[in-house]
Amino acid sequence: MVAASSSRPHRGTDGEEPSDLDLIREMRLGAEAALEALYRRYGGLVYTLALRIVGDPELAREVLQDTFLSTWEGREAYDPSRGRVPWWLMGIARNRAIDLLRSRSHQARLRERHDGPSPSNPAASPLAGAPSEVALRAVVRQALALLSIPQRQAVELAYYGGLTQSEIAQQLGEPLGTVKSRTREAMERLRRLLAPLMDPKRTERERD
């Protein structure tokens, strides 16, 4: 993380906490305390998203730190017309997590774990099935990429961010009914996309 500044983000004239856009504006002026405030506000959400993607707490913390460093370095690039601040942060975190999983160093760690000493009963190893879990996450990411952007937003905020549908509606500034129908449509489409992976025998029967 960028070192915390001794100053605090300015509060609004009515004494309320600064908005996300206020924090971005202060970051552009060099206020590191605004970045710290943004971290406190959304660090948990970003960490949860990272953990869901990489599946490892240590790697998730690495993604978390990289995300907010990138936020600081890219503070001039944020465009409110392209989405709210939490969605911007989640986009950065998702890209960092995927880059990490694709990196040569991470692939080397996976091979080292997979090829290392194993107990007499391989099924008892806590690392057993790790490659298949990585593959499963990759398939899920690919399926999510096939959703529309609004559908993907709703699913990721619910699954990765742990938000309720009411919280998602508030976060996106949209009616609750819209969020509910969008989430339902997204889950139905994901179910169809992932059906061959989850129940290959059923898929074969349907083809017959």
N, C-alpha and C. Protein backbone atom coordinates (compact mmCIF):
# COMPACT_ATOMS: atom_id res chain seq x y z
N MET A 1 0.83 -1.21 0.00
CA MET A 1 0.00 0.00 0.00
C MET A 1 0.86 1.25 0.00
N VAL A 2 0.29 2.33 -0.53
CA VAL A 2 0.96 3.61 -0.43
C VAL A 2 0.91 4.06 1.01
N ALA A 3 1.98 4.63 1.50
CA ALA A 3 2.05 5.05 2.89
C ALA A 3 0.95 6.04 3.20
N ALA A 4 0.34 5.90 4.36
CA ALA A 4 -0.76 6.77 4.73
C ALA A 4 -0.29 8.18 4.99
N SER A 5 -1.04 9.15 4.54
CA SER A 5 -0.74 10.54 4.79
C SER A 5 -1.31 10.92 6.15
N SER A 6 -0.71 11.93 6.76
CA SER A 6 -1.20 12.35 8.08
C SER A 6 -2.52 13.09 7.96
N SER A 7 -2.83 13.61 6.77
CA SER A 7 -4.08 14.33 6.60
C SER A 7 -5.22 13.35 6.42
N ARG A 8 -6.43 13.82 6.64
CA ARG A 8 -7.62 13.01 6.47
C ARG A 8 -8.42 13.56 5.29
N PRO A 9 -9.19 12.68 4.61
CA PRO A 9 -10.05 13.18 3.54
C PRO A 9 -11.02 14.21 4.08
N HIS A 10 -11.27 15.27 3.30
CA HIS A 10 -12.19 16.30 3.74
C HIS A 10 -13.61 15.76 3.79
N ARG A 11 -14.32 16.13 4.83
CA ARG A 11 -15.74 15.77 4.93
C ARG A 11 -16.56 16.80 4.17
N GLY A 12 -17.80 16.38 3.83
CA GLY A 12 -18.69 17.29 3.14
C GLY A 12 -19.10 18.42 4.06
N THR A 13 -19.78 19.41 3.49
CA THR A 13 -20.19 20.57 4.27
C THR A 13 -21.16 20.18 5.37
N ASP A 14 -21.89 19.08 5.19
CA ASP A 14 -22.84 18.65 6.21
C ASP A 14 -22.23 17.66 7.19
N GLY A 15 -20.91 17.46 7.10
CA GLY A 15 -20.22 16.59 8.04
C GLY A 15 -20.26 15.12 7.69
N GLU A 16 -20.87 14.77 6.56
CA GLU A 16 -20.95 13.36 6.17
C GLU A 16 -19.62 12.88 5.60
N GLU A 17 -19.46 11.55 5.55
CA GLU A 17 -18.27 10.97 4.95
C GLU A 17 -18.18 11.38 3.48
N PRO A 18 -16.97 11.59 2.96
CA PRO A 18 -16.84 11.97 1.55
C PRO A 18 -17.33 10.85 0.65
N SER A 19 -17.90 11.22 -0.49
CA SER A 19 -18.37 10.22 -1.45
C SER A 19 -17.18 9.58 -2.14
N ASP A 20 -17.45 8.52 -2.88
CA ASP A 20 -16.38 7.87 -3.64
C ASP A 20 -15.73 8.85 -4.61
N LEU A 21 -16.56 9.65 -5.27
CA LEU A 21 -16.02 10.61 -6.24
C LEU A 21 -15.18 11.68 -5.55
N ASP A 22 -15.59 12.06 -4.33
CA ASP A 22 -14.79 13.01 -3.56
C ASP A 22 -13.41 12.42 -3.28
N LEU A 23 -13.38 11.14 -2.93
CA LEU A 23 -12.10 10.48 -2.64
C LEU A 23 -11.22 10.42 -3.89
N ILE A 24 -11.82 10.11 -5.02
CA ILE A 24 -11.04 10.07 -6.26
C ILE A 24 -10.47 11.44 -6.57
N ARG A 25 -11.29 12.48 -6.40
CA ARG A 25 -10.81 13.84 -6.66
C ARG A 25 -9.64 14.19 -5.74
N GLU A 26 -9.73 13.80 -4.47
CA GLU A 26 -8.65 14.10 -3.55
C GLU A 26 -7.40 13.28 -3.86
N MET A 27 -7.60 12.04 -4.32
CA MET A 27 -6.45 11.24 -4.75
C MET A 27 -5.72 11.92 -5.89
N ARG A 28 -6.47 12.51 -6.82
CA ARG A 28 -5.86 13.20 -7.95
C ARG A 28 -5.06 14.42 -7.51
N LEU A 29 -5.40 14.93 -6.34
CA LEU A 29 -4.66 16.06 -5.78
C LEU A 29 -3.47 15.58 -4.94
N GLY A 30 -3.29 14.26 -4.87
CA GLY A 30 -2.15 13.71 -4.13
C GLY A 30 -2.42 13.34 -2.70
N ALA A 31 -3.69 13.29 -2.31
CA ALA A 31 -4.05 12.96 -0.93
C ALA A 31 -4.04 11.45 -0.73
N GLU A 32 -2.97 10.94 -0.13
CA GLU A 32 -2.86 9.51 0.10
C GLU A 32 -3.88 9.03 1.12
N ALA A 33 -4.31 9.93 2.00
CA ALA A 33 -5.33 9.56 2.99
C ALA A 33 -6.64 9.18 2.30
N ALA A 34 -6.90 9.76 1.14
CA ALA A 34 -8.12 9.41 0.40
C ALA A 34 -8.03 7.98 -0.11
N LEU A 35 -6.84 7.56 -0.51
CA LEU A 35 -6.65 6.16 -0.92
C LEU A 35 -6.87 5.23 0.26
N GLU A 36 -6.37 5.61 1.43
CA GLU A 36 -6.57 4.80 2.63
C GLU A 36 -8.06 4.69 2.95
N ALA A 37 -8.79 5.77 2.77
CA ALA A 37 -10.24 5.74 3.03
C ALA A 37 -10.94 4.82 2.05
N LEU A 38 -10.52 4.86 0.78
CA LEU A 38 -11.10 3.99 -0.23
C LEU A 38 -10.78 2.53 0.08
N TYR A 39 -9.58 2.29 0.58
CA TYR A 39 -9.16 0.93 0.98
C TYR A 39 -10.04 0.42 2.13
N ARG A 40 -10.27 1.26 3.13
CA ARG A 40 -11.12 0.85 4.25
C ARG A 40 -12.54 0.57 3.79
N ARG A 41 -13.00 1.33 2.82
CA ARG A 41 -14.38 1.21 2.35
C ARG A 41 -14.59 -0.04 1.50
N TYR A 42 -13.62 -0.38 0.65
CA TYR A 42 -13.82 -1.45 -0.32
C TYR A 42 -12.77 -2.56 -0.28
N GLY A 43 -11.86 -2.49 0.66
CA GLY A 43 -10.82 -3.52 0.74
C GLY A 43 -11.39 -4.91 0.94
N GLY A 44 -12.42 -5.03 1.76
CA GLY A 44 -13.03 -6.34 2.01
C GLY A 44 -13.68 -6.90 0.76
N LEU A 45 -14.35 -6.06 0.00
CA LEU A 45 -14.99 -6.48 -1.24
C LEU A 45 -13.95 -6.96 -2.25
N VAL A 46 -12.87 -6.20 -2.40
CA VAL A 46 -11.81 -6.56 -3.34
C VAL A 46 -11.13 -7.86 -2.92
N TYR A 47 -10.87 -8.00 -1.63
CA TYR A 47 -10.22 -9.22 -1.15
C TYR A 47 -11.10 -10.45 -1.41
N THR A 48 -12.39 -10.33 -1.15
CA THR A 48 -13.31 -11.44 -1.38
C THR A 48 -13.32 -11.84 -2.85
N LEU A 49 -13.37 -10.85 -3.72
CA LEU A 49 -13.34 -11.13 -5.16
C LEU A 49 -12.04 -11.83 -5.54
N ALA A 50 -10.91 -11.32 -5.05
CA ALA A 50 -9.62 -11.91 -5.38
C ALA A 50 -9.52 -13.35 -4.87
N LEU A 51 -10.02 -13.58 -3.66
CA LEU A 51 -9.95 -14.92 -3.07
C LEU A 51 -10.79 -15.91 -3.86
N ARG A 52 -11.94 -15.48 -4.33
CA ARG A 52 -12.80 -16.35 -5.12
C ARG A 52 -12.11 -16.76 -6.42
N ILE A 53 -11.32 -15.86 -6.99
CA ILE A 53 -10.68 -16.14 -8.27
C ILE A 53 -9.41 -16.97 -8.09
N VAL A 54 -8.53 -16.57 -7.17
CA VAL A 54 -7.23 -17.24 -7.06
C VAL A 54 -7.27 -18.42 -6.10
N GLY A 55 -8.25 -18.44 -5.17
CA GLY A 55 -8.40 -19.58 -4.27
C GLY A 55 -7.34 -19.73 -3.22
N ASP A 56 -6.56 -18.68 -2.95
CA ASP A 56 -5.48 -18.77 -1.97
C ASP A 56 -5.39 -17.44 -1.23
N PRO A 57 -5.46 -17.45 0.13
CA PRO A 57 -5.47 -16.19 0.89
C PRO A 57 -4.23 -15.33 0.65
N GLU A 58 -3.06 -15.96 0.59
CA GLU A 58 -1.83 -15.20 0.38
C GLU A 58 -1.85 -14.50 -0.98
N LEU A 59 -2.26 -15.24 -2.02
CA LEU A 59 -2.34 -14.65 -3.35
C LEU A 59 -3.42 -13.58 -3.41
N ALA A 60 -4.52 -13.80 -2.68
CA ALA A 60 -5.59 -12.80 -2.65
C ALA A 60 -5.11 -11.50 -2.02
N ARG A 61 -4.30 -11.60 -0.97
CA ARG A 61 -3.74 -10.39 -0.37
C ARG A 61 -2.81 -9.67 -1.34
N GLU A 62 -2.08 -10.45 -2.12
CA GLU A 62 -1.20 -9.85 -3.13
C GLU A 62 -2.02 -9.09 -4.17
N VAL A 63 -3.12 -9.70 -4.61
CA VAL A 63 -4.00 -9.03 -5.57
C VAL A 63 -4.60 -7.77 -4.95
N LEU A 64 -4.99 -7.85 -3.67
CA LEU A 64 -5.56 -6.70 -2.97
C LEU A 64 -4.59 -5.52 -2.98
N GLN A 65 -3.34 -5.78 -2.62
CA GLN A 65 -2.34 -4.71 -2.59
C GLN A 65 -2.09 -4.16 -3.99
N ASP A 66 -1.97 -5.05 -4.97
CA ASP A 66 -1.73 -4.61 -6.35
C ASP A 66 -2.89 -3.76 -6.87
N THR A 67 -4.10 -4.15 -6.47
CA THR A 67 -5.29 -3.42 -6.94
C THR A 67 -5.26 -1.97 -6.47
N PHE A 68 -4.97 -1.76 -5.20
CA PHE A 68 -5.01 -0.39 -4.69
C PHE A 68 -3.78 0.42 -5.10
N LEU A 69 -2.66 -0.25 -5.33
CA LEU A 69 -1.52 0.46 -5.91
C LEU A 69 -1.86 0.91 -7.33
N SER A 70 -2.52 0.02 -8.09
CA SER A 70 -2.93 0.37 -9.45
C SER A 70 -3.98 1.48 -9.43
N THR A 71 -4.84 1.45 -8.41
CA THR A 71 -5.84 2.50 -8.27
C THR A 71 -5.17 3.86 -8.07
N TRP A 72 -4.15 3.88 -7.23
CA TRP A 72 -3.41 5.12 -6.98
C TRP A 72 -2.70 5.60 -8.24
N GLU A 73 -2.03 4.66 -8.91
CA GLU A 73 -1.27 5.03 -10.11
C GLU A 73 -2.19 5.42 -11.26
N GLY A 74 -3.40 4.83 -11.30
CA GLY A 74 -4.32 5.11 -12.39
C GLY A 74 -5.46 6.03 -12.01
N ARG A 75 -5.29 6.80 -10.95
CA ARG A 75 -6.39 7.64 -10.45
C ARG A 75 -6.88 8.65 -11.48
N GLU A 76 -6.01 9.07 -12.40
CA GLU A 76 -6.43 10.03 -13.42
C GLU A 76 -7.30 9.36 -14.49
N ALA A 77 -7.21 8.02 -14.58
CA ALA A 77 -7.90 7.31 -15.67
C ALA A 77 -9.35 6.99 -15.34
N TYR A 78 -9.75 7.11 -14.07
CA TYR A 78 -11.12 6.74 -13.71
C TYR A 78 -12.12 7.65 -14.41
N ASP A 79 -13.14 7.03 -15.03
CA ASP A 79 -14.18 7.76 -15.75
C ASP A 79 -15.54 7.38 -15.15
N PRO A 80 -16.19 8.29 -14.42
CA PRO A 80 -17.47 7.96 -13.78
C PRO A 80 -18.54 7.50 -14.75
N SER A 81 -18.46 7.93 -16.00
CA SER A 81 -19.49 7.55 -16.97
C SER A 81 -19.42 6.07 -17.34
N ARG A 82 -18.31 5.42 -17.01
CA ARG A 82 -18.15 4.01 -17.37
C ARG A 82 -18.46 3.06 -16.21
N GLY A 83 -18.87 3.61 -15.08
CA GLY A 83 -19.23 2.75 -13.96
C GLY A 83 -18.85 3.36 -12.63
N ARG A 84 -19.49 2.86 -11.58
CA ARG A 84 -19.22 3.36 -10.24
C ARG A 84 -17.86 2.89 -9.75
N VAL A 85 -17.36 3.55 -8.71
CA VAL A 85 -16.02 3.26 -8.20
C VAL A 85 -15.85 1.80 -7.78
N PRO A 86 -16.82 1.17 -7.07
CA PRO A 86 -16.62 -0.24 -6.68
C PRO A 86 -16.45 -1.16 -7.89
N TRP A 87 -17.22 -0.88 -8.95
CA TRP A 87 -17.10 -1.71 -10.14
C TRP A 87 -15.74 -1.50 -10.81
N TRP A 88 -15.25 -0.27 -10.80
CA TRP A 88 -13.90 0.02 -11.32
C TRP A 88 -12.85 -0.76 -10.53
N LEU A 89 -12.96 -0.75 -9.22
CA LEU A 89 -12.02 -1.49 -8.37
C LEU A 89 -12.09 -2.99 -8.64
N MET A 90 -13.30 -3.52 -8.77
CA MET A 90 -13.46 -4.95 -9.02
C MET A 90 -12.90 -5.34 -10.38
N GLY A 91 -13.02 -4.44 -11.36
CA GLY A 91 -12.44 -4.72 -12.66
C GLY A 91 -10.93 -4.80 -12.59
N ILE A 92 -10.32 -3.88 -11.85
CA ILE A 92 -8.86 -3.92 -11.68
C ILE A 92 -8.45 -5.19 -10.96
N ALA A 93 -9.18 -5.53 -9.89
CA ALA A 93 -8.85 -6.73 -9.11
C ALA A 93 -8.99 -7.98 -9.95
N ARG A 94 -10.06 -8.08 -10.75
CA ARG A 94 -10.26 -9.25 -11.58
C ARG A 94 -9.11 -9.42 -12.57
N ASN A 95 -8.71 -8.31 -13.20
CA ASN A 95 -7.61 -8.39 -14.16
C ASN A 95 -6.30 -8.78 -13.48
N ARG A 96 -6.04 -8.21 -12.30
CA ARG A 96 -4.81 -8.55 -11.57
C ARG A 96 -4.81 -10.02 -11.17
N ALA A 97 -5.96 -10.53 -10.72
CA ALA A 97 -6.05 -11.92 -10.30
C ALA A 97 -5.82 -12.87 -11.48
N ILE A 98 -6.43 -12.55 -12.61
CA ILE A 98 -6.27 -13.40 -13.79
C ILE A 98 -4.84 -13.35 -14.29
N ASP A 99 -4.23 -12.15 -14.28
CA ASP A 99 -2.83 -12.03 -14.69
C ASP A 99 -1.93 -12.87 -13.79
N LEU A 100 -2.26 -12.88 -12.49
CA LEU A 100 -1.46 -13.65 -11.54
C LEU A 100 -1.57 -15.14 -11.82
N LEU A 101 -2.79 -15.61 -12.08
CA LEU A 101 -2.99 -17.03 -12.36
C LEU A 101 -2.29 -17.45 -13.65
N ARG A 102 -2.18 -16.53 -14.58
CA ARG A 102 -1.55 -16.84 -15.87
C ARG A 102 -0.03 -16.67 -15.84
N SER A 103 0.49 -16.05 -14.78
CA SER A 103 1.91 -15.74 -14.73
C SER A 103 2.75 -17.01 -14.66
N ARG A 104 3.96 -16.93 -15.18
CA ARG A 104 4.86 -18.08 -15.20
C ARG A 104 5.22 -18.52 -13.78
N SER A 105 5.41 -17.53 -12.88
CA SER A 105 5.79 -17.88 -11.52
C SER A 105 4.68 -18.67 -10.83
N HIS A 106 3.41 -18.29 -11.07
CA HIS A 106 2.30 -19.02 -10.45
C HIS A 106 2.17 -20.42 -11.05
N GLN A 107 2.33 -20.53 -12.35
CA GLN A 107 2.27 -21.85 -12.98
C GLN A 107 3.39 -22.73 -12.46
N ALA A 108 4.55 -22.14 -12.21
CA ALA A 108 5.67 -22.91 -11.66
C ALA A 108 5.35 -23.39 -10.25
N ARG A 109 4.68 -22.53 -9.45
CA ARG A 109 4.31 -22.95 -8.10
C ARG A 109 3.33 -24.10 -8.15
N LEU A 110 2.38 -24.05 -9.09
CA LEU A 110 1.41 -25.13 -9.22
C LEU A 110 2.10 -26.44 -9.59
N ARG A 111 3.05 -26.36 -10.54
CA ARG A 111 3.76 -27.57 -10.95
C ARG A 111 4.58 -28.13 -9.79
N GLU A 112 5.19 -27.22 -9.02
CA GLU A 112 5.99 -27.66 -7.88
C GLU A 112 5.13 -28.38 -6.85
N ARG A 113 3.94 -27.85 -6.60
CA ARG A 113 3.03 -28.50 -5.66
C ARG A 113 2.56 -29.85 -6.20
N HIS A 114 2.22 -29.85 -7.48
CA HIS A 114 1.67 -31.07 -8.08
C HIS A 114 2.71 -32.17 -8.18
N ASP A 115 3.99 -31.81 -8.44
CA ASP A 115 5.04 -32.80 -8.63
C ASP A 115 5.80 -33.12 -7.36
N GLY A 116 5.49 -32.43 -6.26
CA GLY A 116 6.23 -32.64 -5.03
C GLY A 116 5.90 -33.97 -4.37
N PRO A 117 6.58 -34.28 -3.22
CA PRO A 117 6.34 -35.54 -2.51
C PRO A 117 4.88 -35.66 -2.13
N SER A 118 4.32 -36.86 -2.31
CA SER A 118 2.92 -37.10 -1.97
C SER A 118 2.85 -38.24 -0.97
N PRO A 119 1.83 -38.27 -0.13
CA PRO A 119 1.68 -39.35 0.83
C PRO A 119 1.33 -40.65 0.13
N SER A 120 1.36 -41.76 0.88
CA SER A 120 1.07 -43.05 0.28
C SER A 120 -0.34 -43.11 -0.28
N ASN A 121 -1.23 -42.33 0.33
CA ASN A 121 -2.60 -42.25 -0.16
C ASN A 121 -2.80 -40.88 -0.79
N PRO A 122 -2.70 -40.76 -2.11
CA PRO A 122 -2.77 -39.45 -2.75
C PRO A 122 -4.07 -38.72 -2.45
N ALA A 123 -5.15 -39.47 -2.29
CA ALA A 123 -6.44 -38.82 -2.05
C ALA A 123 -6.46 -38.06 -0.74
N ALA A 124 -5.54 -38.45 0.19
CA ALA A 124 -5.52 -37.79 1.49
C ALA A 124 -4.77 -36.47 1.45
N SER A 125 -4.07 -36.19 0.35
CA SER A 125 -3.28 -34.97 0.27
C SER A 125 -4.20 -33.77 0.14
N PRO A 126 -3.93 -32.68 0.90
CA PRO A 126 -4.75 -31.49 0.78
C PRO A 126 -4.60 -30.82 -0.58
N LEU A 127 -3.55 -31.19 -1.32
CA LEU A 127 -3.35 -30.60 -2.63
C LEU A 127 -3.97 -31.43 -3.74
N ALA A 128 -4.51 -32.59 -3.37
CA ALA A 128 -5.11 -33.44 -4.39
C ALA A 128 -6.26 -32.70 -5.07
N GLY A 129 -6.28 -32.75 -6.39
CA GLY A 129 -7.34 -32.08 -7.13
C GLY A 129 -7.11 -30.62 -7.36
N ALA A 130 -5.95 -30.07 -6.87
CA ALA A 130 -5.71 -28.65 -7.04
C ALA A 130 -5.73 -28.23 -8.50
N PRO A 131 -5.07 -28.97 -9.41
CA PRO A 131 -5.12 -28.57 -10.81
C PRO A 131 -6.55 -28.51 -11.37
N SER A 132 -7.40 -29.48 -10.95
CA SER A 132 -8.77 -29.49 -11.45
C SER A 132 -9.55 -28.29 -10.91
N GLU A 133 -9.24 -27.86 -9.69
CA GLU A 133 -9.92 -26.69 -9.13
C GLU A 133 -9.53 -25.44 -9.89
N VAL A 134 -8.24 -25.35 -10.26
CA VAL A 134 -7.80 -24.21 -11.06
C VAL A 134 -8.52 -24.21 -12.40
N ALA A 135 -8.64 -25.40 -13.00
CA ALA A 135 -9.33 -25.52 -14.28
C ALA A 135 -10.80 -25.13 -14.15
N LEU A 136 -11.43 -25.53 -13.03
CA LEU A 136 -12.83 -25.20 -12.82
C LEU A 136 -13.02 -23.69 -12.72
N ARG A 137 -12.13 -23.01 -11.98
CA ARG A 137 -12.23 -21.56 -11.87
C ARG A 137 -12.08 -20.91 -13.24
N ALA A 138 -11.18 -21.48 -14.06
CA ALA A 138 -10.97 -20.92 -15.40
C ALA A 138 -12.24 -21.06 -16.25
N VAL A 139 -12.90 -22.22 -16.14
CA VAL A 139 -14.13 -22.44 -16.90
C VAL A 139 -15.23 -21.48 -16.44
N VAL A 140 -15.33 -21.28 -15.13
CA VAL A 140 -16.34 -20.36 -14.60
C VAL A 140 -16.07 -18.94 -15.09
N ARG A 141 -14.79 -18.52 -15.10
CA ARG A 141 -14.46 -17.19 -15.59
C ARG A 141 -14.85 -17.05 -17.06
N GLN A 142 -14.61 -18.10 -17.84
CA GLN A 142 -14.97 -18.06 -19.25
C GLN A 142 -16.49 -17.94 -19.43
N ALA A 143 -17.22 -18.67 -18.59
CA ALA A 143 -18.68 -18.60 -18.66
C ALA A 143 -19.18 -17.21 -18.28
N LEU A 144 -18.59 -16.63 -17.25
CA LEU A 144 -18.98 -15.28 -16.84
C LEU A 144 -18.73 -14.27 -17.96
N ALA A 145 -17.64 -14.47 -18.70
CA ALA A 145 -17.30 -13.55 -19.78
C ALA A 145 -18.35 -13.55 -20.89
N LEU A 146 -19.14 -14.62 -20.97
CA LEU A 146 -20.17 -14.72 -22.00
C LEU A 146 -21.47 -14.03 -21.61
N LEU A 147 -21.57 -13.63 -20.35
CA LEU A 147 -22.76 -12.90 -19.90
C LEU A 147 -22.68 -11.45 -20.38
N SER A 148 -23.83 -10.80 -20.41
CA SER A 148 -23.81 -9.36 -20.68
C SER A 148 -23.16 -8.67 -19.49
N ILE A 149 -22.68 -7.46 -19.71
CA ILE A 149 -22.02 -6.72 -18.62
C ILE A 149 -22.94 -6.53 -17.42
N PRO A 150 -24.21 -6.11 -17.60
CA PRO A 150 -25.10 -5.97 -16.44
C PRO A 150 -25.32 -7.29 -15.70
N GLN A 151 -25.46 -8.40 -16.45
CA GLN A 151 -25.63 -9.70 -15.80
C GLN A 151 -24.39 -10.07 -15.01
N ARG A 152 -23.21 -9.85 -15.60
CA ARG A 152 -21.97 -10.20 -14.93
C ARG A 152 -21.78 -9.36 -13.67
N GLN A 153 -22.15 -8.08 -13.74
CA GLN A 153 -22.06 -7.22 -12.57
C GLN A 153 -22.88 -7.80 -11.41
N ALA A 154 -24.12 -8.17 -11.71
CA ALA A 154 -25.01 -8.67 -10.66
C ALA A 154 -24.47 -9.95 -10.04
N VAL A 155 -24.00 -10.88 -10.88
CA VAL A 155 -23.50 -12.16 -10.38
C VAL A 155 -22.22 -11.97 -9.56
N GLU A 156 -21.32 -11.14 -10.05
CA GLU A 156 -20.04 -10.97 -9.35
C GLU A 156 -20.22 -10.23 -8.03
N LEU A 157 -21.10 -9.25 -7.99
CA LEU A 157 -21.34 -8.54 -6.73
C LEU A 157 -21.99 -9.47 -5.71
N ALA A 158 -22.83 -10.39 -6.18
CA ALA A 158 -23.47 -11.33 -5.26
C ALA A 158 -22.51 -12.42 -4.83
N TYR A 159 -21.84 -13.06 -5.79
CA TYR A 159 -21.00 -14.22 -5.48
C TYR A 159 -19.63 -13.82 -4.94
N TYR A 160 -18.97 -12.92 -5.65
CA TYR A 160 -17.64 -12.49 -5.22
C TYR A 160 -17.70 -11.47 -4.08
N GLY A 161 -18.67 -10.54 -4.19
CA GLY A 161 -18.74 -9.48 -3.20
C GLY A 161 -19.57 -9.81 -1.99
N GLY A 162 -20.39 -10.88 -2.07
CA GLY A 162 -21.21 -11.27 -0.94
C GLY A 162 -22.34 -10.31 -0.62
N LEU A 163 -22.77 -9.52 -1.62
CA LEU A 163 -23.83 -8.55 -1.39
C LEU A 163 -25.21 -9.18 -1.58
N THR A 164 -26.18 -8.69 -0.85
CA THR A 164 -27.57 -9.09 -1.07
C THR A 164 -28.08 -8.38 -2.32
N GLN A 165 -29.23 -8.82 -2.82
CA GLN A 165 -29.78 -8.18 -4.02
C GLN A 165 -30.16 -6.73 -3.74
N SER A 166 -30.62 -6.46 -2.53
CA SER A 166 -30.95 -5.08 -2.17
C SER A 166 -29.69 -4.21 -2.17
N GLU A 167 -28.59 -4.76 -1.64
CA GLU A 167 -27.33 -4.03 -1.62
C GLU A 167 -26.79 -3.82 -3.04
N ILE A 168 -26.97 -4.84 -3.90
CA ILE A 168 -26.53 -4.71 -5.29
C ILE A 168 -27.32 -3.60 -5.98
N ALA A 169 -28.62 -3.58 -5.76
CA ALA A 169 -29.46 -2.54 -6.36
C ALA A 169 -29.00 -1.15 -5.91
N GLN A 170 -28.67 -1.04 -4.63
CA GLN A 170 -28.21 0.24 -4.12
C GLN A 170 -26.85 0.59 -4.70
N GLN A 171 -25.97 -0.41 -4.82
CA GLN A 171 -24.63 -0.19 -5.34
C GLN A 171 -24.66 0.25 -6.80
N LEU A 172 -25.57 -0.35 -7.58
CA LEU A 172 -25.64 -0.04 -9.00
C LEU A 172 -26.61 1.09 -9.31
N GLY A 173 -27.38 1.50 -8.29
CA GLY A 173 -28.34 2.58 -8.51
C GLY A 173 -29.48 2.17 -9.42
N GLU A 174 -29.95 0.92 -9.29
CA GLU A 174 -31.00 0.41 -10.15
C GLU A 174 -32.12 -0.19 -9.29
N PRO A 175 -33.34 -0.32 -9.86
CA PRO A 175 -34.46 -0.90 -9.10
C PRO A 175 -34.17 -2.34 -8.69
N LEU A 176 -34.69 -2.71 -7.52
CA LEU A 176 -34.48 -4.05 -7.00
C LEU A 176 -35.04 -5.10 -7.95
N GLY A 177 -36.21 -4.84 -8.53
CA GLY A 177 -36.82 -5.80 -9.45
C GLY A 177 -35.95 -6.07 -10.66
N THR A 178 -35.29 -5.02 -11.15
CA THR A 178 -34.39 -5.17 -12.29
C THR A 178 -33.22 -6.06 -11.94
N VAL A 179 -32.66 -5.84 -10.76
CA VAL A 179 -31.51 -6.64 -10.32
C VAL A 179 -31.92 -8.11 -10.14
N LYS A 180 -33.09 -8.33 -9.56
CA LYS A 180 -33.55 -9.71 -9.35
C LYS A 180 -33.73 -10.45 -10.67
N SER A 181 -34.40 -9.82 -11.63
CA SER A 181 -34.62 -10.48 -12.92
C SER A 181 -33.30 -10.68 -13.66
N ARG A 182 -32.40 -9.72 -13.56
CA ARG A 182 -31.10 -9.83 -14.22
C ARG A 182 -30.29 -10.97 -13.62
N THR A 183 -30.32 -11.09 -12.30
CA THR A 183 -29.58 -12.16 -11.64
C THR A 183 -30.17 -13.52 -12.01
N ARG A 184 -31.50 -13.61 -12.04
CA ARG A 184 -32.14 -14.87 -12.40
C ARG A 184 -31.77 -15.28 -13.84
N GLU A 185 -31.81 -14.33 -14.76
CA GLU A 185 -31.45 -14.64 -16.14
C GLU A 185 -29.98 -15.06 -16.25
N ALA A 186 -29.12 -14.38 -15.49
CA ALA A 186 -27.70 -14.71 -15.52
C ALA A 186 -27.44 -16.11 -14.99
N MET A 187 -28.11 -16.47 -13.89
CA MET A 187 -27.90 -17.79 -13.30
C MET A 187 -28.42 -18.89 -14.23
N GLU A 188 -29.54 -18.63 -14.89
CA GLU A 188 -30.07 -19.62 -15.84
C GLU A 188 -29.11 -19.83 -17.00
N ARG A 189 -28.52 -18.74 -17.47
CA ARG A 189 -27.58 -18.87 -18.58
C ARG A 189 -26.29 -19.57 -18.13
N LEU A 190 -25.81 -19.24 -16.94
CA LEU A 190 -24.62 -19.93 -16.42
C LEU A 190 -24.88 -21.42 -16.24
N ARG A 191 -26.08 -21.74 -15.77
CA ARG A 191 -26.43 -23.14 -15.59
C ARG A 191 -26.36 -23.90 -16.92
N ARG A 192 -26.86 -23.26 -17.97
CA ARG A 192 -26.79 -23.90 -19.29
C ARG A 192 -25.36 -24.02 -19.78
N LEU A 193 -24.56 -22.98 -19.57
CA LEU A 193 -23.18 -22.98 -20.04
C LEU A 193 -22.32 -24.01 -19.31
N LEU A 194 -22.60 -24.18 -18.01
CA LEU A 194 -21.77 -25.07 -17.19
C LEU A 194 -22.33 -26.48 -17.08
N ALA A 195 -23.50 -26.72 -17.65
CA ALA A 195 -24.13 -28.04 -17.55
C ALA A 195 -23.23 -29.17 -18.03
N PRO A 196 -22.52 -29.03 -19.16
CA PRO A 196 -21.66 -30.13 -19.61
C PRO A 196 -20.55 -30.47 -18.63
N LEU A 197 -20.09 -29.47 -17.89
CA LEU A 197 -19.03 -29.70 -16.92
C LEU A 197 -19.57 -30.34 -15.64
N MET A 198 -20.73 -29.87 -15.19
CA MET A 198 -21.27 -30.33 -13.91
C MET A 198 -21.91 -31.70 -14.03
N ASP A 199 -22.53 -32.02 -15.19
CA ASP A 199 -23.21 -33.31 -15.35
C ASP A 199 -23.04 -33.78 -16.79
N PRO A 200 -21.84 -34.24 -17.16
CA PRO A 200 -21.59 -34.65 -18.55
C PRO A 200 -22.50 -35.78 -19.01
N LYS A 201 -22.88 -36.71 -18.12
CA LYS A 201 -23.73 -37.83 -18.52
C LYS A 201 -25.11 -37.34 -18.94
N ARG A 202 -25.62 -36.34 -18.20
CA ARG A 202 -26.93 -35.78 -18.54
C ARG A 202 -26.87 -35.12 -19.92
N THR A 203 -25.75 -34.42 -20.18
CA THR A 203 -25.61 -33.77 -21.48
C THR A 203 -25.61 -34.79 -22.60
N GLU A 204 -24.94 -35.94 -22.38
CA GLU A 204 -24.92 -36.99 -23.39
C GLU A 204 -26.31 -37.55 -23.62
N ARG A 205 -27.08 -37.71 -22.53
CA ARG A 205 -28.45 -38.24 -22.67
C ARG A 205 -29.32 -37.30 -23.47
N GLU A 206 -29.12 -35.98 -23.22
CA GLU A 206 -29.93 -34.99 -23.93
C GLU A 206 -29.60 -35.00 -25.41
N ARG A 207 -28.33 -35.26 -25.74
CA ARG A 207 -27.93 -35.33 -27.15
C ARG A 207 -28.55 -36.56 -27.83
N ASP A 208 -28.66 -37.66 -27.06
CA ASP A 208 -29.24 -38.86 -27.61
C ASP A 208 -30.76 -38.66 -27.76
